[in-house]
Amino acid sequence: MKHLIHHGYLVTIAANNEKGVWRGHAIINRDKGKFDLHDEVCFPTETEAEEHAVELAKHWVNNHLQKMQG
């Protein structure tokens, strides 16, 4: 499990092994709660799944911030 901060949001990254393939999972935390992102894409390695989950989380945070700015 990995943790990172992106624009003030705490992001927890994990990968789950499901029947021999890996799927990424990100939990985005902020003062007002948390949001779970479950990656639907399968990867052959845990590292690839985690890297993809990081990119998904960053994309979600960036879009969320843009929407808040109006």
C-alpha atoms as a PDB file:
ATOM      1  CA  MET A   1       0.000   0.000   0.000  1.00  0.00           C
ATOM      2  CA  LYS A   2       1.345   3.408  -0.964  1.00  0.00           C
ATOM      3  CA  HIS A   3       0.399   6.915   0.108  1.00  0.00           C
ATOM      4  CA  LEU A   4       0.844  10.227  -1.662  1.00  0.00           C
ATOM      5  CA  ILE A   5      -0.419  13.785  -1.441  1.00  0.00           C
ATOM      6  CA  HIS A   6      -1.761  15.385  -4.631  1.00  0.00           C
ATOM      7  CA  HIS A   7      -2.951  19.004  -4.381  1.00  0.00           C
ATOM      8  CA  GLY A   8      -3.721  18.544  -0.692  1.00  0.00           C
ATOM      9  CA  TYR A   9      -5.615  15.278  -1.118  1.00  0.00           C
ATOM     10  CA  LEU A  10      -4.269  12.183   0.647  1.00  0.00           C
ATOM     11  CA  VAL A  11      -4.305   9.263  -1.782  1.00  0.00           C
ATOM     12  CA  THR A  12      -3.897   5.645  -0.690  1.00  0.00           C
ATOM     13  CA  ILE A  13      -2.969   3.236  -3.472  1.00  0.00           C
ATOM     14  CA  ALA A  14      -3.269  -0.540  -3.427  1.00  0.00           C
ATOM     15  CA  ALA A  15      -3.533  -3.377  -5.918  1.00  0.00           C
ATOM     16  CA  ASN A  16      -5.708  -6.456  -5.628  1.00  0.00           C
ATOM     17  CA  ASN A  17      -4.941  -9.804  -7.198  1.00  0.00           C
ATOM     18  CA  GLU A  18      -8.048 -11.290  -8.773  1.00  0.00           C
ATOM     19  CA  LYS A  19      -7.649 -14.650 -10.458  1.00  0.00           C
ATOM     20  CA  GLY A  20      -4.058 -14.049 -11.539  1.00  0.00           C
ATOM     21  CA  VAL A  21      -4.426 -10.438 -12.690  1.00  0.00           C
ATOM     22  CA  TRP A  22      -4.001  -7.189 -10.795  1.00  0.00           C
ATOM     23  CA  ARG A  23      -6.454  -4.299 -10.431  1.00  0.00           C
ATOM     24  CA  GLY A  24      -5.630  -0.958  -8.908  1.00  0.00           C
ATOM     25  CA  HIS A  25      -7.566   0.708  -6.118  1.00  0.00           C
ATOM     26  CA  ALA A  26      -7.255   4.295  -4.890  1.00  0.00           C
ATOM     27  CA  ILE A  27      -8.842   5.952  -1.872  1.00  0.00           C
ATOM     28  CA  ILE A  28      -8.877   9.745  -2.011  1.00  0.00           C
ATOM     29  CA  ASN A  29      -9.271  11.469   1.362  1.00  0.00           C
ATOM     30  CA  ARG A  30     -10.044  15.095   2.109  1.00  0.00           C
ATOM     31  CA  ASP A  31     -11.603  16.891   5.069  1.00  0.00           C
ATOM     32  CA  LYS A  32     -15.117  16.302   3.718  1.00  0.00           C
ATOM     33  CA  GLY A  33     -14.839  12.539   3.308  1.00  0.00           C
ATOM     34  CA  LYS A  34     -13.344   9.969   1.003  1.00  0.00           C
ATOM     35  CA  PHE A  35     -13.864   8.659  -2.496  1.00  0.00           C
ATOM     36  CA  ASP A  36     -13.008   5.124  -3.691  1.00  0.00           C
ATOM     37  CA  LEU A  37     -11.748   4.499  -7.206  1.00  0.00           C
ATOM     38  CA  HIS A  38     -11.745   0.897  -8.374  1.00  0.00           C
ATOM     39  CA  ASP A  39      -9.832   0.335 -11.588  1.00  0.00           C
ATOM     40  CA  GLU A  40     -11.597  -1.867 -14.111  1.00  0.00           C
ATOM     41  CA  VAL A  41      -8.418  -2.447 -16.139  1.00  0.00           C
ATOM     42  CA  CYS A  42      -6.414  -5.614 -15.435  1.00  0.00           C
ATOM     43  CA  PHE A  43      -2.616  -5.727 -15.359  1.00  0.00           C
ATOM     44  CA  PRO A  44      -0.125  -8.589 -15.247  1.00  0.00           C
ATOM     45  CA  THR A  45       1.856  -7.081 -12.347  1.00  0.00           C
ATOM     46  CA  GLU A  46       1.076  -5.396  -9.043  1.00  0.00           C
ATOM     47  CA  THR A  47       3.375  -2.474  -9.887  1.00  0.00           C
ATOM     48  CA  GLU A  48       1.569  -1.711 -13.147  1.00  0.00           C
ATOM     49  CA  ALA A  49      -1.807  -1.791 -11.397  1.00  0.00           C
ATOM     50  CA  GLU A  50      -0.569   0.565  -8.678  1.00  0.00           C
ATOM     51  CA  GLU A  51       0.953   2.976 -11.208  1.00  0.00           C
ATOM     52  CA  HIS A  52      -2.312   3.100 -13.130  1.00  0.00           C
ATOM     53  CA  ALA A  53      -4.262   3.696  -9.906  1.00  0.00           C
ATOM     54  CA  VAL A  54      -1.967   6.653  -9.134  1.00  0.00           C
ATOM     55  CA  GLU A  55      -2.704   8.171 -12.535  1.00  0.00           C
ATOM     56  CA  LEU A  56      -6.457   7.626 -12.099  1.00  0.00           C
ATOM     57  CA  ALA A  57      -6.381   9.275  -8.674  1.00  0.00           C
ATOM     58  CA  LYS A  58      -4.421  12.288  -9.944  1.00  0.00           C
ATOM     59  CA  HIS A  59      -6.848  12.652 -12.846  1.00  0.00           C
ATOM     60  CA  TRP A  60      -9.839  12.475 -10.474  1.00  0.00           C
ATOM     61  CA  VAL A  61      -8.346  15.127  -8.151  1.00  0.00           C
ATOM     62  CA  ASN A  62      -7.495  17.441 -11.057  1.00  0.00           C
ATOM     63  CA  ASN A  63     -11.026  17.147 -12.497  1.00  0.00           C
ATOM     64  CA  HIS A  64     -12.582  17.665  -9.064  1.00  0.00           C
ATOM     65  CA  LEU A  65     -10.542  20.835  -8.536  1.00  0.00           C
ATOM     66  CA  GLN A  66     -11.497  22.169 -11.992  1.00  0.00           C
ATOM     67  CA  LYS A  67     -15.193  21.628 -11.255  1.00  0.00           C
ATOM     68  CA  MET A  68     -14.869  23.433  -7.925  1.00  0.00           C
ATOM     69  CA  GLN A  69     -13.305  26.434  -9.661  1.00  0.00           C
ATOM     70  CA  GLY A  70     -16.357  26.765 -11.793  1.00  0.00           C
END
